[in-house]
Amino acid sequence: MSRRVGSNIDPSPVQEVVLRAFVLFVDEYGYAPTVGELAKLTGLSEGNVKNRVRQLVRKGWLYRAAPRVWRNLRVARSLDELKEV
């Protein structure tokens, strides 16, 4: 099974928690959070957050503004696009 980059796949519940925490952090501070900051906000381990962020990038919800730069993640899609459950 191949993975499609930037596909329109909705985030899983845990990915959505990370995505919402990311957006709230950016709204409050004006810049992207680190993996450690997201881990504190969500109560997940840093490794778990790192994996979820990678998955959100692959699904097209986040993107990297520049390679190898701190706080380089940006929101690619509006949270309004999340399906209501």
PDB file of N, CA and C in Angstrom:
ATOM      1  N   MET A   1       0.849  -1.180   0.000  1.00  0.00           N
ATOM      2  CA  MET A   1       0.000   0.000   0.000  1.00  0.00           C
ATOM      3  C   MET A   1       0.889   1.236   0.000  1.00  0.00           C
ATOM      4  N   SER A   2       0.707   2.115  -0.934  1.00  0.00           N
ATOM      5  CA  SER A   2       1.537   3.314  -1.019  1.00  0.00           C
ATOM      6  C   SER A   2       0.883   4.466  -0.260  1.00  0.00           C
ATOM      7  N   ARG A   3       1.725   5.369   0.209  1.00  0.00           N
ATOM      8  CA  ARG A   3       1.237   6.551   0.920  1.00  0.00           C
ATOM      9  C   ARG A   3       1.224   7.726  -0.032  1.00  0.00           C
ATOM     10  N   ARG A   4       0.163   8.512   0.042  1.00  0.00           N
ATOM     11  CA  ARG A   4       0.034   9.680  -0.828  1.00  0.00           C
ATOM     12  C   ARG A   4       0.382  10.925  -0.025  1.00  0.00           C
ATOM     13  N   VAL A   5       1.352  11.662  -0.490  1.00  0.00           N
ATOM     14  CA  VAL A   5       1.730  12.907   0.167  1.00  0.00           C
ATOM     15  C   VAL A   5       0.664  13.948  -0.108  1.00  0.00           C
ATOM     16  N   GLY A   6       0.262  14.668   0.957  1.00  0.00           N
ATOM     17  CA  GLY A   6      -0.704  15.746   0.789  1.00  0.00           C
ATOM     18  C   GLY A   6      -2.107  15.277   0.455  1.00  0.00           C
ATOM     19  N   SER A   7      -2.410  14.034   0.790  1.00  0.00           N
ATOM     20  CA  SER A   7      -3.751  13.548   0.486  1.00  0.00           C
ATOM     21  C   SER A   7      -4.762  14.196   1.422  1.00  0.00           C
ATOM     22  N   ASN A   8      -6.017  14.040   1.111  1.00  0.00           N
ATOM     23  CA  ASN A   8      -7.087  14.657   1.884  1.00  0.00           C
ATOM     24  C   ASN A   8      -7.566  13.768   3.021  1.00  0.00           C
ATOM     25  N   ILE A   9      -6.673  13.007   3.587  1.00  0.00           N
ATOM     26  CA  ILE A   9      -7.033  12.116   4.682  1.00  0.00           C
ATOM     27  C   ILE A   9      -7.174  12.933   5.955  1.00  0.00           C
ATOM     28  N   ASP A  10      -8.280  12.737   6.663  1.00  0.00           N
ATOM     29  CA  ASP A  10      -8.493  13.426   7.926  1.00  0.00           C
ATOM     30  C   ASP A  10      -7.520  12.904   8.978  1.00  0.00           C
ATOM     31  N   PRO A  11      -7.141  13.757   9.919  1.00  0.00           N
ATOM     32  CA  PRO A  11      -6.248  13.297  10.984  1.00  0.00           C
ATOM     33  C   PRO A  11      -6.976  12.349  11.933  1.00  0.00           C
ATOM     34  N   SER A  12      -6.204  11.441  12.521  1.00  0.00           N
ATOM     35  CA  SER A  12      -6.752  10.560  13.553  1.00  0.00           C
ATOM     36  C   SER A  12      -7.074  11.408  14.780  1.00  0.00           C
ATOM     37  N   PRO A  13      -7.794  10.870  15.750  1.00  0.00           N
ATOM     38  CA  PRO A  13      -8.095  11.655  16.954  1.00  0.00           C
ATOM     39  C   PRO A  13      -6.844  12.186  17.663  1.00  0.00           C
ATOM     40  N   VAL A  14      -5.807  11.374  17.778  1.00  0.00           N
ATOM     41  CA  VAL A  14      -4.570  11.836  18.442  1.00  0.00           C
ATOM     42  C   VAL A  14      -3.867  12.886  17.585  1.00  0.00           C
ATOM     43  N   GLN A  15      -3.851  12.688  16.276  1.00  0.00           N
ATOM     44  CA  GLN A  15      -3.258  13.691  15.385  1.00  0.00           C
ATOM     45  C   GLN A  15      -4.025  15.001  15.488  1.00  0.00           C
ATOM     46  N   GLU A  16      -5.332  14.928  15.619  1.00  0.00           N
ATOM     47  CA  GLU A  16      -6.135  16.142  15.743  1.00  0.00           C
ATOM     48  C   GLU A  16      -5.807  16.883  17.040  1.00  0.00           C
ATOM     49  N   VAL A  17      -5.558  16.152  18.123  1.00  0.00           N
ATOM     50  CA  VAL A  17      -5.164  16.783  19.384  1.00  0.00           C
ATOM     51  C   VAL A  17      -3.865  17.558  19.195  1.00  0.00           C
ATOM     52  N   VAL A  18      -2.900  16.945  18.521  1.00  0.00           N
ATOM     53  CA  VAL A  18      -1.615  17.604  18.260  1.00  0.00           C
ATOM     54  C   VAL A  18      -1.819  18.813  17.349  1.00  0.00           C
ATOM     55  N   LEU A  19      -2.616  18.666  16.315  1.00  0.00           N
ATOM     56  CA  LEU A  19      -2.867  19.758  15.380  1.00  0.00           C
ATOM     57  C   LEU A  19      -3.545  20.940  16.079  1.00  0.00           C
ATOM     58  N   ARG A  20      -4.546  20.669  16.882  1.00  0.00           N
ATOM     59  CA  ARG A  20      -5.241  21.748  17.598  1.00  0.00           C
ATOM     60  C   ARG A  20      -4.307  22.436  18.599  1.00  0.00           C
ATOM     61  N   ALA A  21      -3.469  21.660  19.293  1.00  0.00           N
ATOM     62  CA  ALA A  21      -2.505  22.244  20.220  1.00  0.00           C
ATOM     63  C   ALA A  21      -1.509  23.127  19.463  1.00  0.00           C
ATOM     64  N   PHE A  22      -1.099  22.685  18.280  1.00  0.00           N
ATOM     65  CA  PHE A  22      -0.188  23.455  17.438  1.00  0.00           C
ATOM     66  C   PHE A  22      -0.816  24.805  17.084  1.00  0.00           C
ATOM     67  N   VAL A  23      -2.052  24.775  16.621  1.00  0.00           N
ATOM     68  CA  VAL A  23      -2.743  25.998  16.209  1.00  0.00           C
ATOM     69  C   VAL A  23      -2.940  26.944  17.397  1.00  0.00           C
ATOM     70  N   LEU A  24      -3.348  26.411  18.539  1.00  0.00           N
ATOM     71  CA  LEU A  24      -3.526  27.249  19.734  1.00  0.00           C
ATOM     72  C   LEU A  24      -2.225  27.909  20.157  1.00  0.00           C
ATOM     73  N   PHE A  25      -1.118  27.169  20.077  1.00  0.00           N
ATOM     74  CA  PHE A  25       0.185  27.715  20.439  1.00  0.00           C
ATOM     75  C   PHE A  25       0.560  28.859  19.496  1.00  0.00           C
ATOM     76  N   VAL A  26       0.398  28.635  18.199  1.00  0.00           N
ATOM     77  CA  VAL A  26       0.726  29.679  17.211  1.00  0.00           C
ATOM     78  C   VAL A  26      -0.155  30.905  17.419  1.00  0.00           C
ATOM     79  N   ASP A  27      -1.424  30.699  17.687  1.00  0.00           N
ATOM     80  CA  ASP A  27      -2.332  31.823  17.931  1.00  0.00           C
ATOM     81  C   ASP A  27      -1.891  32.641  19.144  1.00  0.00           C
ATOM     82  N   GLU A  28      -1.410  31.952  20.184  1.00  0.00           N
ATOM     83  CA  GLU A  28      -1.020  32.646  21.418  1.00  0.00           C
ATOM     84  C   GLU A  28       0.350  33.311  21.331  1.00  0.00           C
ATOM     85  N   TYR A  29       1.326  32.617  20.729  1.00  0.00           N
ATOM     86  CA  TYR A  29       2.703  33.115  20.745  1.00  0.00           C
ATOM     87  C   TYR A  29       3.191  33.698  19.420  1.00  0.00           C
ATOM     88  N   GLY A  30       2.532  33.369  18.324  1.00  0.00           N
ATOM     89  CA  GLY A  30       2.923  33.919  17.038  1.00  0.00           C
ATOM     90  C   GLY A  30       4.022  33.162  16.316  1.00  0.00           C
ATOM     91  N   TYR A  31       4.428  32.023  16.854  1.00  0.00           N
ATOM     92  CA  TYR A  31       5.433  31.182  16.198  1.00  0.00           C
ATOM     93  C   TYR A  31       5.141  29.726  16.533  1.00  0.00           C
ATOM     94  N   ALA A  32       5.739  28.824  15.777  1.00  0.00           N
ATOM     95  CA  ALA A  32       5.459  27.399  15.924  1.00  0.00           C
ATOM     96  C   ALA A  32       6.089  26.832  17.196  1.00  0.00           C
ATOM     97  N   PRO A  33       5.422  25.873  17.820  1.00  0.00           N
ATOM     98  CA  PRO A  33       5.975  25.238  19.012  1.00  0.00           C
ATOM     99  C   PRO A  33       7.045  24.203  18.666  1.00  0.00           C
ATOM    100  N   THR A  34       7.893  23.907  19.639  1.00  0.00           N
ATOM    101  CA  THR A  34       8.836  22.802  19.494  1.00  0.00           C
ATOM    102  C   THR A  34       8.104  21.504  19.805  1.00  0.00           C
ATOM    103  N   VAL A  35       8.742  20.391  19.507  1.00  0.00           N
ATOM    104  CA  VAL A  35       8.162  19.094  19.837  1.00  0.00           C
ATOM    105  C   VAL A  35       7.960  18.997  21.352  1.00  0.00           C
ATOM    106  N   GLY A  36       8.912  19.476  22.118  1.00  0.00           N
ATOM    107  CA  GLY A  36       8.793  19.443  23.573  1.00  0.00           C
ATOM    108  C   GLY A  36       7.617  20.257  24.084  1.00  0.00           C
ATOM    109  N   GLU A  37       7.404  21.419  23.500  1.00  0.00           N
ATOM    110  CA  GLU A  37       6.267  22.252  23.897  1.00  0.00           C
ATOM    111  C   GLU A  37       4.944  21.575  23.550  1.00  0.00           C
ATOM    112  N   LEU A  38       4.875  20.952  22.379  1.00  0.00           N
ATOM    113  CA  LEU A  38       3.666  20.216  22.005  1.00  0.00           C
ATOM    114  C   LEU A  38       3.439  19.032  22.937  1.00  0.00           C
ATOM    115  N   ALA A  39       4.511  18.369  23.335  1.00  0.00           N
ATOM    116  CA  ALA A  39       4.389  17.238  24.258  1.00  0.00           C
ATOM    117  C   ALA A  39       3.796  17.695  25.589  1.00  0.00           C
ATOM    118  N   LYS A  40       4.273  18.822  26.096  1.00  0.00           N
ATOM    119  CA  LYS A  40       3.731  19.353  27.356  1.00  0.00           C
ATOM    120  C   LYS A  40       2.260  19.732  27.213  1.00  0.00           C
ATOM    121  N   LEU A  41       1.906  20.342  26.101  1.00  0.00           N
ATOM    122  CA  LEU A  41       0.519  20.765  25.875  1.00  0.00           C
ATOM    123  C   LEU A  41      -0.447  19.585  25.752  1.00  0.00           C
ATOM    124  N   THR A  42       0.014  18.510  25.137  1.00  0.00           N
ATOM    125  CA  THR A  42      -0.871  17.384  24.843  1.00  0.00           C
ATOM    126  C   THR A  42      -0.787  16.248  25.854  1.00  0.00           C
ATOM    127  N   GLY A  43       0.283  16.216  26.642  1.00  0.00           N
ATOM    128  CA  GLY A  43       0.479  15.112  27.579  1.00  0.00           C
ATOM    129  C   GLY A  43       1.032  13.865  26.922  1.00  0.00           C
ATOM    130  N   LEU A  44       1.466  13.979  25.679  1.00  0.00           N
ATOM    131  CA  LEU A  44       2.064  12.860  24.951  1.00  0.00           C
ATOM    132  C   LEU A  44       3.579  12.914  25.090  1.00  0.00           C
ATOM    133  N   SER A  45       4.253  11.809  24.801  1.00  0.00           N
ATOM    134  CA  SER A  45       5.714  11.803  24.816  1.00  0.00           C
ATOM    135  C   SER A  45       6.246  12.568  23.607  1.00  0.00           C
ATOM    136  N   GLU A  46       7.485  13.035  23.706  1.00  0.00           N
ATOM    137  CA  GLU A  46       8.079  13.756  22.575  1.00  0.00           C
ATOM    138  C   GLU A  46       8.168  12.869  21.338  1.00  0.00           C
ATOM    139  N   GLY A  47       8.492  11.590  21.527  1.00  0.00           N
ATOM    140  CA  GLY A  47       8.565  10.674  20.392  1.00  0.00           C
ATOM    141  C   GLY A  47       7.213  10.500  19.714  1.00  0.00           C
ATOM    142  N   ASN A  48       6.162  10.416  20.528  1.00  0.00           N
ATOM    143  CA  ASN A  48       4.811  10.278  19.992  1.00  0.00           C
ATOM    144  C   ASN A  48       4.423  11.534  19.220  1.00  0.00           C
ATOM    145  N   VAL A  49       4.722  12.702  19.786  1.00  0.00           N
ATOM    146  CA  VAL A  49       4.408  13.965  19.109  1.00  0.00           C
ATOM    147  C   VAL A  49       5.169  14.067  17.793  1.00  0.00           C
ATOM    148  N   LYS A  50       6.442  13.701  17.813  1.00  0.00           N
ATOM    149  CA  LYS A  50       7.261  13.766  16.594  1.00  0.00           C
ATOM    150  C   LYS A  50       6.650  12.895  15.490  1.00  0.00           C
ATOM    151  N   ASN A  51       6.209  11.699  15.861  1.00  0.00           N
ATOM    152  CA  ASN A  51       5.569  10.814  14.879  1.00  0.00           C
ATOM    153  C   ASN A  51       4.261  11.400  14.368  1.00  0.00           C
ATOM    154  N   ARG A  52       3.451  11.961  15.264  1.00  0.00           N
ATOM    155  CA  ARG A  52       2.170  12.548  14.848  1.00  0.00           C
ATOM    156  C   ARG A  52       2.382  13.758  13.941  1.00  0.00           C
ATOM    157  N   VAL A  53       3.379  14.576  14.244  1.00  0.00           N
ATOM    158  CA  VAL A  53       3.685  15.728  13.385  1.00  0.00           C
ATOM    159  C   VAL A  53       4.108  15.240  12.002  1.00  0.00           C
ATOM    160  N   ARG A  54       4.949  14.228  11.965  1.00  0.00           N
ATOM    161  CA  ARG A  54       5.388  13.659  10.679  1.00  0.00           C
ATOM    162  C   ARG A  54       4.174  13.174   9.888  1.00  0.00           C
ATOM    163  N   GLN A  55       3.232  12.527  10.556  1.00  0.00           N
ATOM    164  CA  GLN A  55       2.030  12.044   9.887  1.00  0.00           C
ATOM    165  C   GLN A  55       1.167  13.204   9.390  1.00  0.00           C
ATOM    166  N   LEU A  56       1.065  14.266  10.184  1.00  0.00           N
ATOM    167  CA  LEU A  56       0.282  15.441   9.766  1.00  0.00           C
ATOM    168  C   LEU A  56       0.911  16.128   8.559  1.00  0.00           C
ATOM    169  N   VAL A  57       2.232  16.140   8.489  1.00  0.00           N
ATOM    170  CA  VAL A  57       2.917  16.688   7.312  1.00  0.00           C
ATOM    171  C   VAL A  57       2.604  15.814   6.102  1.00  0.00           C
ATOM    172  N   ARG A  58       2.693  14.510   6.281  1.00  0.00           N
ATOM    173  CA  ARG A  58       2.431  13.580   5.170  1.00  0.00           C
ATOM    174  C   ARG A  58       0.987  13.693   4.680  1.00  0.00           C
ATOM    175  N   LYS A  59       0.052  13.961   5.595  1.00  0.00           N
ATOM    176  CA  LYS A  59      -1.357  14.092   5.222  1.00  0.00           C
ATOM    177  C   LYS A  59      -1.705  15.480   4.688  1.00  0.00           C
ATOM    178  N   GLY A  60      -0.773  16.419   4.756  1.00  0.00           N
ATOM    179  CA  GLY A  60      -1.010  17.742   4.194  1.00  0.00           C
ATOM    180  C   GLY A  60      -1.617  18.753   5.156  1.00  0.00           C
ATOM    181  N   TRP A  61      -1.662  18.457   6.450  1.00  0.00           N
ATOM    182  CA  TRP A  61      -2.205  19.394   7.433  1.00  0.00           C
ATOM    183  C   TRP A  61      -1.167  20.393   7.906  1.00  0.00           C
ATOM    184  N   LEU A  62       0.094  19.993   7.944  1.00  0.00           N
ATOM    185  CA  LEU A  62       1.207  20.877   8.277  1.00  0.00           C
ATOM    186  C   LEU A  62       2.223  20.807   7.150  1.00  0.00           C
ATOM    187  N   TYR A  63       3.080  21.814   7.054  1.00  0.00           N
ATOM    188  CA  TYR A  63       4.175  21.756   6.092  1.00  0.00           C
ATOM    189  C   TYR A  63       5.396  22.421   6.697  1.00  0.00           C
ATOM    190  N   ARG A  64       6.552  22.061   6.171  1.00  0.00           N
ATOM    191  CA  ARG A  64       7.814  22.626   6.636  1.00  0.00           C
ATOM    192  C   ARG A  64       8.174  23.814   5.747  1.00  0.00           C
ATOM    193  N   ALA A  65       8.299  25.000   6.361  1.00  0.00           N
ATOM    194  CA  ALA A  65       8.583  26.225   5.611  1.00  0.00           C
ATOM    195  C   ALA A  65      10.010  26.232   5.078  1.00  0.00           C
ATOM    196  N   ALA A  66      10.927  25.601   5.791  1.00  0.00           N
ATOM    197  CA  ALA A  66      12.325  25.535   5.368  1.00  0.00           C
ATOM    198  C   ALA A  66      12.958  24.304   6.003  1.00  0.00           C
ATOM    199  N   PRO A  67      13.873  23.652   5.300  1.00  0.00           N
ATOM    200  CA  PRO A  67      14.517  22.467   5.871  1.00  0.00           C
ATOM    201  C   PRO A  67      15.537  22.854   6.951  1.00  0.00           C
ATOM    202  N   ARG A  68      15.616  22.012   7.972  1.00  0.00           N
ATOM    203  CA  ARG A  68      16.613  22.148   9.034  1.00  0.00           C
ATOM    204  C   ARG A  68      16.610  23.511   9.728  1.00  0.00           C
ATOM    205  N   VAL A  69      15.435  24.064   9.937  1.00  0.00           N
ATOM    206  CA  VAL A  69      15.301  25.349  10.621  1.00  0.00           C
ATOM    207  C   VAL A  69      14.375  25.140  11.819  1.00  0.00           C
ATOM    208  N   TRP A  70      14.724  25.705  12.964  1.00  0.00           N
ATOM    209  CA  TRP A  70      13.883  25.604  14.152  1.00  0.00           C
ATOM    210  C   TRP A  70      12.523  26.252  13.895  1.00  0.00           C
ATOM    211  N   ARG A  71      11.515  25.671  14.452  1.00  0.00           N
ATOM    212  CA  ARG A  71      10.152  26.209  14.414  1.00  0.00           C
ATOM    213  C   ARG A  71       9.695  26.503  12.980  1.00  0.00           C
ATOM    214  N   ASN A  72       9.985  25.576  12.075  1.00  0.00           N
ATOM    215  CA  ASN A  72       9.701  25.801  10.663  1.00  0.00           C
ATOM    216  C   ASN A  72       8.355  25.256  10.200  1.00  0.00           C
ATOM    217  N   LEU A  73       7.581  24.641  11.089  1.00  0.00           N
ATOM    218  CA  LEU A  73       6.295  24.086  10.678  1.00  0.00           C
ATOM    219  C   LEU A  73       5.231  25.169  10.563  1.00  0.00           C
ATOM    220  N   ARG A  74       4.350  24.995   9.609  1.00  0.00           N
ATOM    221  CA  ARG A  74       3.240  25.920   9.392  1.00  0.00           C
ATOM    222  C   ARG A  74       1.974  25.100   9.163  1.00  0.00           C
ATOM    223  N   VAL A  75       0.836  25.695   9.437  1.00  0.00           N
ATOM    224  CA  VAL A  75      -0.447  25.038   9.182  1.00  0.00           C
ATOM    225  C   VAL A  75      -0.764  25.181   7.705  1.00  0.00           C
ATOM    226  N   ALA A  76      -1.057  24.064   7.069  1.00  0.00           N
ATOM    227  CA  ALA A  76      -1.330  24.071   5.631  1.00  0.00           C
ATOM    228  C   ALA A  76      -2.816  24.168   5.320  1.00  0.00           C
ATOM    229  N   ARG A  77      -3.638  23.712   6.256  1.00  0.00           N
ATOM    230  CA  ARG A  77      -5.081  23.677   6.010  1.00  0.00           C
ATOM    231  C   ARG A  77      -5.807  24.216   7.226  1.00  0.00           C
ATOM    232  N   SER A  78      -6.951  24.781   7.003  1.00  0.00           N
ATOM    233  CA  SER A  78      -7.776  25.336   8.080  1.00  0.00           C
ATOM    234  C   SER A  78      -8.389  24.224   8.914  1.00  0.00           C
ATOM    235  N   LEU A  79      -8.485  24.462  10.216  1.00  0.00           N
ATOM    236  CA  LEU A  79      -9.158  23.503  11.082  1.00  0.00           C
ATOM    237  C   LEU A  79     -10.634  23.382  10.731  1.00  0.00           C
ATOM    238  N   ASP A  80     -11.161  24.359  10.023  1.00  0.00           N
ATOM    239  CA  ASP A  80     -12.555  24.305   9.583  1.00  0.00           C
ATOM    240  C   ASP A  80     -12.802  23.124   8.647  1.00  0.00           C
ATOM    241  N   GLU A  81     -11.716  22.590   8.056  1.00  0.00           N
ATOM    242  CA  GLU A  81     -11.848  21.466   7.143  1.00  0.00           C
ATOM    243  C   GLU A  81     -12.014  20.129   7.860  1.00  0.00           C
ATOM    244  N   LEU A  82     -11.799  20.127   9.183  1.00  0.00           N
ATOM    245  CA  LEU A  82     -11.964  18.886   9.927  1.00  0.00           C
ATOM    246  C   LEU A  82     -13.431  18.471   9.903  1.00  0.00           C
ATOM    247  N   LYS A  83     -13.644  17.200   9.714  1.00  0.00           N
ATOM    248  CA  LYS A  83     -15.016  16.685   9.698  1.00  0.00           C
ATOM    249  C   LYS A  83     -15.566  16.680  11.107  1.00  0.00           C
ATOM    250  N   GLU A  84     -16.817  17.082  11.225  1.00  0.00           N
ATOM    251  CA  GLU A  84     -17.502  17.003  12.523  1.00  0.00           C
ATOM    252  C   GLU A  84     -17.853  15.548  12.789  1.00  0.00           C
ATOM    253  N   VAL A  85     -17.593  15.121  14.012  1.00  0.00           N
ATOM    254  CA  VAL A  85     -17.877  13.723  14.374  1.00  0.00           C
ATOM    255  C   VAL A  85     -19.097  13.643  15.233  1.00  0.00           C
TER     256      VAL A  85
END
